[in-house]
Amino acid sequence: MKILIKSAWGSADPTQASFPFHHANAFAAEGHDVQIFLLGEAVTLMRTVVANAVVPVGWPPLSEALAAVVARKVPIHV
């Protein structure tokens, strides 16, 4: 299945902001063709300093999820 995950959530809401990356990892792990599309405030998550500071409630840090997305070669559109 082809899946596009869109998000505009930025670092002001760390849990919402990290969901696209955690969900993309889950879909990619199951063999789906997944892409992430970031707009608005979510674009700032691509800055290393911002990604390292985002820690969602009950989920691993965004930096870990982002590293896994990159390792799986999931396209990220900003």
PDB file of N, CA and C in Angstrom:
ATOM      1  N   MET A   1       0.833  -1.159   0.000  1.00  0.00           N
ATOM      2  CA  MET A   1       0.000   0.000   0.000  1.00  0.00           C
ATOM      3  C   MET A   1       0.891   1.240   0.000  1.00  0.00           C
ATOM      4  N   LYS A   2       0.500   2.278  -0.730  1.00  0.00           N
ATOM      5  CA  LYS A   2       1.210   3.557  -0.733  1.00  0.00           C
ATOM      6  C   LYS A   2       0.561   4.478   0.289  1.00  0.00           C
ATOM      7  N   ILE A   3       1.393   5.066   1.150  1.00  0.00           N
ATOM      8  CA  ILE A   3       0.883   5.900   2.226  1.00  0.00           C
ATOM      9  C   ILE A   3       1.654   7.212   2.257  1.00  0.00           C
ATOM     10  N   LEU A   4       0.914   8.323   2.333  1.00  0.00           N
ATOM     11  CA  LEU A   4       1.506   9.645   2.503  1.00  0.00           C
ATOM     12  C   LEU A   4       1.046  10.175   3.854  1.00  0.00           C
ATOM     13  N   ILE A   5       1.994  10.494   4.708  1.00  0.00           N
ATOM     14  CA  ILE A   5       1.677  11.036   6.021  1.00  0.00           C
ATOM     15  C   ILE A   5       1.985  12.528   5.992  1.00  0.00           C
ATOM     16  N   LYS A   6       0.955  13.354   6.242  1.00  0.00           N
ATOM     17  CA  LYS A   6       1.099  14.803   6.234  1.00  0.00           C
ATOM     18  C   LYS A   6       1.024  15.323   7.654  1.00  0.00           C
ATOM     19  N   SER A   7       1.880  16.293   7.966  1.00  0.00           N
ATOM     20  CA  SER A   7       1.838  16.886   9.292  1.00  0.00           C
ATOM     21  C   SER A   7       2.274  18.338   9.243  1.00  0.00           C
ATOM     22  N   ALA A   8       1.617  19.150  10.078  1.00  0.00           N
ATOM     23  CA  ALA A   8       1.998  20.545  10.268  1.00  0.00           C
ATOM     24  C   ALA A   8       2.360  20.818  11.729  1.00  0.00           C
ATOM     25  N   TRP A   9       2.405  19.759  12.563  1.00  0.00           N
ATOM     26  CA  TRP A   9       2.712  19.929  13.984  1.00  0.00           C
ATOM     27  C   TRP A   9       4.197  20.167  14.175  1.00  0.00           C
ATOM     28  N   GLY A  10       4.532  21.189  14.955  1.00  0.00           N
ATOM     29  CA  GLY A  10       5.925  21.515  15.238  1.00  0.00           C
ATOM     30  C   GLY A  10       6.309  21.176  16.659  1.00  0.00           C
ATOM     31  N   SER A  11       7.401  21.734  17.095  1.00  0.00           N
ATOM     32  CA  SER A  11       7.964  21.405  18.399  1.00  0.00           C
ATOM     33  C   SER A  11       7.107  21.881  19.576  1.00  0.00           C
ATOM     34  N   ALA A  12       6.145  22.758  19.340  1.00  0.00           N
ATOM     35  CA  ALA A  12       5.267  23.214  20.424  1.00  0.00           C
ATOM     36  C   ALA A  12       4.427  22.069  20.987  1.00  0.00           C
ATOM     37  N   ASP A  13       4.182  21.051  20.177  1.00  0.00           N
ATOM     38  CA  ASP A  13       3.469  19.853  20.640  1.00  0.00           C
ATOM     39  C   ASP A  13       4.315  18.639  20.257  1.00  0.00           C
ATOM     40  N   PRO A  14       5.270  18.272  21.096  1.00  0.00           N
ATOM     41  CA  PRO A  14       6.228  17.238  20.744  1.00  0.00           C
ATOM     42  C   PRO A  14       5.615  15.878  20.430  1.00  0.00           C
ATOM     43  N   THR A  15       4.540  15.527  21.114  1.00  0.00           N
ATOM     44  CA  THR A  15       3.933  14.225  20.864  1.00  0.00           C
ATOM     45  C   THR A  15       3.303  14.185  19.473  1.00  0.00           C
ATOM     46  N   GLN A  16       2.507  15.187  19.161  1.00  0.00           N
ATOM     47  CA  GLN A  16       1.885  15.252  17.821  1.00  0.00           C
ATOM     48  C   GLN A  16       2.966  15.362  16.738  1.00  0.00           C
ATOM     49  N   ALA A  17       4.011  16.137  17.009  1.00  0.00           N
ATOM     50  CA  ALA A  17       5.066  16.361  16.019  1.00  0.00           C
ATOM     51  C   ALA A  17       5.813  15.077  15.674  1.00  0.00           C
ATOM     52  N   SER A  18       5.936  14.177  16.621  1.00  0.00           N
ATOM     53  CA  SER A  18       6.718  12.954  16.374  1.00  0.00           C
ATOM     54  C   SER A  18       5.905  11.830  15.733  1.00  0.00           C
ATOM     55  N   PHE A  19       4.583  11.902  15.823  1.00  0.00           N
ATOM     56  CA  PHE A  19       3.752  10.823  15.285  1.00  0.00           C
ATOM     57  C   PHE A  19       4.034  10.471  13.819  1.00  0.00           C
ATOM     58  N   PRO A  20       4.183  11.431  12.907  1.00  0.00           N
ATOM     59  CA  PRO A  20       4.435  11.045  11.503  1.00  0.00           C
ATOM     60  C   PRO A  20       5.664  10.149  11.343  1.00  0.00           C
ATOM     61  N   PHE A  21       6.678  10.399  12.139  1.00  0.00           N
ATOM     62  CA  PHE A  21       7.922   9.646  12.031  1.00  0.00           C
ATOM     63  C   PHE A  21       7.771   8.247  12.633  1.00  0.00           C
ATOM     64  N   HIS A  22       7.122   8.167  13.779  1.00  0.00           N
ATOM     65  CA  HIS A  22       6.885   6.856  14.391  1.00  0.00           C
ATOM     66  C   HIS A  22       5.932   6.010  13.529  1.00  0.00           C
ATOM     67  N   HIS A  23       4.912   6.639  12.994  1.00  0.00           N
ATOM     68  CA  HIS A  23       3.968   5.911  12.144  1.00  0.00           C
ATOM     69  C   HIS A  23       4.626   5.487  10.832  1.00  0.00           C
ATOM     70  N   ALA A  24       5.430   6.350  10.256  1.00  0.00           N
ATOM     71  CA  ALA A  24       6.134   5.996   9.015  1.00  0.00           C
ATOM     72  C   ALA A  24       7.036   4.792   9.246  1.00  0.00           C
ATOM     73  N   ASN A  25       7.716   4.755  10.383  1.00  0.00           N
ATOM     74  CA  ASN A  25       8.569   3.604  10.695  1.00  0.00           C
ATOM     75  C   ASN A  25       7.756   2.325  10.800  1.00  0.00           C
ATOM     76  N   ALA A  26       6.605   2.410  11.437  1.00  0.00           N
ATOM     77  CA  ALA A  26       5.756   1.223  11.581  1.00  0.00           C
ATOM     78  C   ALA A  26       5.261   0.739  10.220  1.00  0.00           C
ATOM     79  N   PHE A  27       4.809   1.654   9.376  1.00  0.00           N
ATOM     80  CA  PHE A  27       4.334   1.265   8.042  1.00  0.00           C
ATOM     81  C   PHE A  27       5.475   0.697   7.198  1.00  0.00           C
ATOM     82  N   ALA A  28       6.629   1.356   7.217  1.00  0.00           N
ATOM     83  CA  ALA A  28       7.773   0.884   6.426  1.00  0.00           C
ATOM     84  C   ALA A  28       8.240  -0.488   6.903  1.00  0.00           C
ATOM     85  N   ALA A  29       8.203  -0.715   8.208  1.00  0.00           N
ATOM     86  CA  ALA A  29       8.617  -2.009   8.754  1.00  0.00           C
ATOM     87  C   ALA A  29       7.723  -3.141   8.264  1.00  0.00           C
ATOM     88  N   GLU A  30       6.480  -2.809   7.945  1.00  0.00           N
ATOM     89  CA  GLU A  30       5.540  -3.813   7.434  1.00  0.00           C
ATOM     90  C   GLU A  30       5.557  -3.909   5.904  1.00  0.00           C
ATOM     91  N   GLY A  31       6.480  -3.178   5.279  1.00  0.00           N
ATOM     92  CA  GLY A  31       6.653  -3.298   3.840  1.00  0.00           C
ATOM     93  C   GLY A  31       5.851  -2.321   2.989  1.00  0.00           C
ATOM     94  N   HIS A  32       5.205  -1.349   3.618  1.00  0.00           N
ATOM     95  CA  HIS A  32       4.423  -0.376   2.861  1.00  0.00           C
ATOM     96  C   HIS A  32       5.326   0.702   2.271  1.00  0.00           C
ATOM     97  N   ASP A  33       4.897   1.277   1.170  1.00  0.00           N
ATOM     98  CA  ASP A  33       5.596   2.377   0.513  1.00  0.00           C
ATOM     99  C   ASP A  33       5.082   3.662   1.153  1.00  0.00           C
ATOM    100  N   VAL A  34       5.889   4.247   2.031  1.00  0.00           N
ATOM    101  CA  VAL A  34       5.437   5.397   2.814  1.00  0.00           C
ATOM    102  C   VAL A  34       6.317   6.615   2.566  1.00  0.00           C
ATOM    103  N   GLN A  35       5.694   7.790   2.610  1.00  0.00           N
ATOM    104  CA  GLN A  35       6.391   9.060   2.490  1.00  0.00           C
ATOM    105  C   GLN A  35       5.848  10.010   3.544  1.00  0.00           C
ATOM    106  N   ILE A  36       6.668  10.992   3.932  1.00  0.00           N
ATOM    107  CA  ILE A  36       6.255  12.000   4.900  1.00  0.00           C
ATOM    108  C   ILE A  36       6.267  13.357   4.203  1.00  0.00           C
ATOM    109  N   PHE A  37       5.200  14.134   4.416  1.00  0.00           N
ATOM    110  CA  PHE A  37       5.099  15.483   3.867  1.00  0.00           C
ATOM    111  C   PHE A  37       4.924  16.450   5.027  1.00  0.00           C
ATOM    112  N   LEU A  38       5.902  17.324   5.221  1.00  0.00           N
ATOM    113  CA  LEU A  38       5.861  18.292   6.312  1.00  0.00           C
ATOM    114  C   LEU A  38       5.577  19.685   5.769  1.00  0.00           C
ATOM    115  N   LEU A  39       4.726  20.423   6.491  1.00  0.00           N
ATOM    116  CA  LEU A  39       4.437  21.797   6.111  1.00  0.00           C
ATOM    117  C   LEU A  39       4.298  22.648   7.359  1.00  0.00           C
ATOM    118  N   GLY A  40       4.289  23.948   7.179  1.00  0.00           N
ATOM    119  CA  GLY A  40       4.133  24.860   8.309  1.00  0.00           C
ATOM    120  C   GLY A  40       5.212  24.650   9.363  1.00  0.00           C
ATOM    121  N   GLU A  41       4.768  24.624  10.619  1.00  0.00           N
ATOM    122  CA  GLU A  41       5.697  24.483  11.741  1.00  0.00           C
ATOM    123  C   GLU A  41       6.484  23.175  11.714  1.00  0.00           C
ATOM    124  N   ALA A  42       5.949  22.139  11.094  1.00  0.00           N
ATOM    125  CA  ALA A  42       6.625  20.838  11.076  1.00  0.00           C
ATOM    126  C   ALA A  42       7.956  20.889  10.329  1.00  0.00           C
ATOM    127  N   VAL A  43       8.113  21.847   9.433  1.00  0.00           N
ATOM    128  CA  VAL A  43       9.357  21.957   8.668  1.00  0.00           C
ATOM    129  C   VAL A  43      10.547  22.182   9.597  1.00  0.00           C
ATOM    130  N   THR A  44      10.332  22.871  10.717  1.00  0.00           N
ATOM    131  CA  THR A  44      11.439  23.144  11.640  1.00  0.00           C
ATOM    132  C   THR A  44      11.995  21.876  12.281  1.00  0.00           C
ATOM    133  N   LEU A  45      11.231  20.788  12.243  1.00  0.00           N
ATOM    134  CA  LEU A  45      11.700  19.532  12.821  1.00  0.00           C
ATOM    135  C   LEU A  45      12.900  18.962  12.074  1.00  0.00           C
ATOM    136  N   MET A  46      13.154  19.446  10.876  1.00  0.00           N
ATOM    137  CA  MET A  46      14.285  18.955  10.094  1.00  0.00           C
ATOM    138  C   MET A  46      15.598  19.583  10.521  1.00  0.00           C
ATOM    139  N   ARG A  47      15.543  20.572  11.400  1.00  0.00           N
ATOM    140  CA  ARG A  47      16.773  21.140  11.966  1.00  0.00           C
ATOM    141  C   ARG A  47      17.244  20.207  13.077  1.00  0.00           C
ATOM    142  N   THR A  48      18.495  19.846  13.048  1.00  0.00           N
ATOM    143  CA  THR A  48      19.043  18.900  14.019  1.00  0.00           C
ATOM    144  C   THR A  48      18.803  19.348  15.447  1.00  0.00           C
ATOM    145  N   VAL A  49      19.035  20.620  15.737  1.00  0.00           N
ATOM    146  CA  VAL A  49      18.869  21.116  17.095  1.00  0.00           C
ATOM    147  C   VAL A  49      17.421  20.989  17.561  1.00  0.00           C
ATOM    148  N   VAL A  50      16.468  21.183  16.664  1.00  0.00           N
ATOM    149  CA  VAL A  50      15.055  21.057  17.020  1.00  0.00           C
ATOM    150  C   VAL A  50      14.695  19.584  17.201  1.00  0.00           C
ATOM    151  N   ALA A  51      15.088  18.743  16.251  1.00  0.00           N
ATOM    152  CA  ALA A  51      14.778  17.308  16.341  1.00  0.00           C
ATOM    153  C   ALA A  51      15.345  16.694  17.617  1.00  0.00           C
ATOM    154  N   ASN A  52      16.522  17.124  18.025  1.00  0.00           N
ATOM    155  CA  ASN A  52      17.135  16.597  19.246  1.00  0.00           C
ATOM    156  C   ASN A  52      16.411  17.040  20.514  1.00  0.00           C
ATOM    157  N   ALA A  53      15.669  18.144  20.432  1.00  0.00           N
ATOM    158  CA  ALA A  53      14.974  18.680  21.608  1.00  0.00           C
ATOM    159  C   ALA A  53      13.542  18.159  21.748  1.00  0.00           C
ATOM    160  N   VAL A  54      13.023  17.507  20.719  1.00  0.00           N
ATOM    161  CA  VAL A  54      11.632  17.046  20.752  1.00  0.00           C
ATOM    162  C   VAL A  54      11.555  15.657  21.383  1.00  0.00           C
ATOM    163  N   VAL A  55      10.897  15.601  22.545  1.00  0.00           N
ATOM    164  CA  VAL A  55      10.722  14.338  23.259  1.00  0.00           C
ATOM    165  C   VAL A  55       9.235  14.184  23.562  1.00  0.00           C
ATOM    166  N   PRO A  56       8.554  13.292  22.832  1.00  0.00           N
ATOM    167  CA  PRO A  56       7.122  13.112  23.040  1.00  0.00           C
ATOM    168  C   PRO A  56       6.818  12.347  24.327  1.00  0.00           C
ATOM    169  N   VAL A  57       5.590  12.477  24.769  1.00  0.00           N
ATOM    170  CA  VAL A  57       5.150  11.751  25.959  1.00  0.00           C
ATOM    171  C   VAL A  57       4.864  10.299  25.571  1.00  0.00           C
ATOM    172  N   GLY A  58       5.543   9.361  26.211  1.00  0.00           N
ATOM    173  CA  GLY A  58       5.286   7.941  25.997  1.00  0.00           C
ATOM    174  C   GLY A  58       5.887   7.338  24.741  1.00  0.00           C
ATOM    175  N   TRP A  59       6.704   8.078  24.025  1.00  0.00           N
ATOM    176  CA  TRP A  59       7.335   7.590  22.793  1.00  0.00           C
ATOM    177  C   TRP A  59       8.822   7.915  22.854  1.00  0.00           C
ATOM    178  N   PRO A  60       9.641   7.200  22.076  1.00  0.00           N
ATOM    179  CA  PRO A  60      11.069   7.539  22.025  1.00  0.00           C
ATOM    180  C   PRO A  60      11.273   8.940  21.440  1.00  0.00           C
ATOM    181  N   PRO A  61      12.406   9.562  21.709  1.00  0.00           N
ATOM    182  CA  PRO A  61      12.687  10.904  21.187  1.00  0.00           C
ATOM    183  C   PRO A  61      12.586  10.957  19.658  1.00  0.00           C
ATOM    184  N   LEU A  62      12.229  12.131  19.172  1.00  0.00           N
ATOM    185  CA  LEU A  62      12.109  12.320  17.726  1.00  0.00           C
ATOM    186  C   LEU A  62      13.421  12.001  17.020  1.00  0.00           C
ATOM    187  N   SER A  63      14.547  12.330  17.627  1.00  0.00           N
ATOM    188  CA  SER A  63      15.834  12.076  16.977  1.00  0.00           C
ATOM    189  C   SER A  63      16.009  10.595  16.641  1.00  0.00           C
ATOM    190  N   GLU A  64      15.518   9.703  17.499  1.00  0.00           N
ATOM    191  CA  GLU A  64      15.603   8.263  17.230  1.00  0.00           C
ATOM    192  C   GLU A  64      14.671   7.860  16.090  1.00  0.00           C
ATOM    193  N   ALA A  65      13.454   8.372  16.114  1.00  0.00           N
ATOM    194  CA  ALA A  65      12.486   8.047  15.058  1.00  0.00           C
ATOM    195  C   ALA A  65      12.957   8.592  13.720  1.00  0.00           C
ATOM    196  N   LEU A  66      13.504   9.805  13.720  1.00  0.00           N
ATOM    197  CA  LEU A  66      13.999  10.416  12.489  1.00  0.00           C
ATOM    198  C   LEU A  66      15.168   9.614  11.923  1.00  0.00           C
ATOM    199  N   ALA A  67      16.069   9.174  12.785  1.00  0.00           N
ATOM    200  CA  ALA A  67      17.205   8.357  12.331  1.00  0.00           C
ATOM    201  C   ALA A  67      16.716   7.058  11.694  1.00  0.00           C
ATOM    202  N   ALA A  68      15.693   6.451  12.270  1.00  0.00           N
ATOM    203  CA  ALA A  68      15.142   5.214  11.711  1.00  0.00           C
ATOM    204  C   ALA A  68      14.462   5.464  10.368  1.00  0.00           C
ATOM    205  N   VAL A  69      13.757   6.592  10.245  1.00  0.00           N
ATOM    206  CA  VAL A  69      13.118   6.952   8.972  1.00  0.00           C
ATOM    207  C   VAL A  69      14.180   7.118   7.889  1.00  0.00           C
ATOM    208  N   VAL A  70      15.252   7.801   8.220  1.00  0.00           N
ATOM    209  CA  VAL A  70      16.346   8.004   7.269  1.00  0.00           C
ATOM    210  C   VAL A  70      16.988   6.675   6.899  1.00  0.00           C
ATOM    211  N   ALA A  71      17.206   5.818   7.875  1.00  0.00           N
ATOM    212  CA  ALA A  71      17.813   4.518   7.613  1.00  0.00           C
ATOM    213  C   ALA A  71      16.927   3.651   6.705  1.00  0.00           C
ATOM    214  N   ARG A  72      15.609   3.806   6.832  1.00  0.00           N
ATOM    215  CA  ARG A  72      14.673   3.060   5.972  1.00  0.00           C
ATOM    216  C   ARG A  72      14.472   3.731   4.615  1.00  0.00           C
ATOM    217  N   LYS A  73      15.114   4.873   4.421  1.00  0.00           N
ATOM    218  CA  LYS A  73      15.045   5.622   3.158  1.00  0.00           C
ATOM    219  C   LYS A  73      13.607   6.064   2.831  1.00  0.00           C
ATOM    220  N   VAL A  74      12.891   6.447   3.880  1.00  0.00           N
ATOM    221  CA  VAL A  74      11.548   6.990   3.700  1.00  0.00           C
ATOM    222  C   VAL A  74      11.709   8.426   3.225  1.00  0.00           C
ATOM    223  N   PRO A  75      11.135   8.782   2.072  1.00  0.00           N
ATOM    224  CA  PRO A  75      11.243  10.176   1.598  1.00  0.00           C
ATOM    225  C   PRO A  75      10.519  11.136   2.538  1.00  0.00           C
ATOM    226  N   ILE A  76      11.181  12.269   2.799  1.00  0.00           N
ATOM    227  CA  ILE A  76      10.585  13.338   3.593  1.00  0.00           C
ATOM    228  C   ILE A  76      10.536  14.570   2.713  1.00  0.00           C
ATOM    229  N   HIS A  77       9.328  15.070   2.489  1.00  0.00           N
ATOM    230  CA  HIS A  77       9.121  16.257   1.660  1.00  0.00           C
ATOM    231  C   HIS A  77       8.825  17.437   2.565  1.00  0.00           C
ATOM    232  N   VAL A  78       9.550  18.554   2.357  1.00  0.00           N
ATOM    233  CA  VAL A  78       9.309  19.755   3.153  1.00  0.00           C
ATOM    234  C   VAL A  78       8.966  20.922   2.256  1.00  0.00           C
TER     235      VAL A  78
END
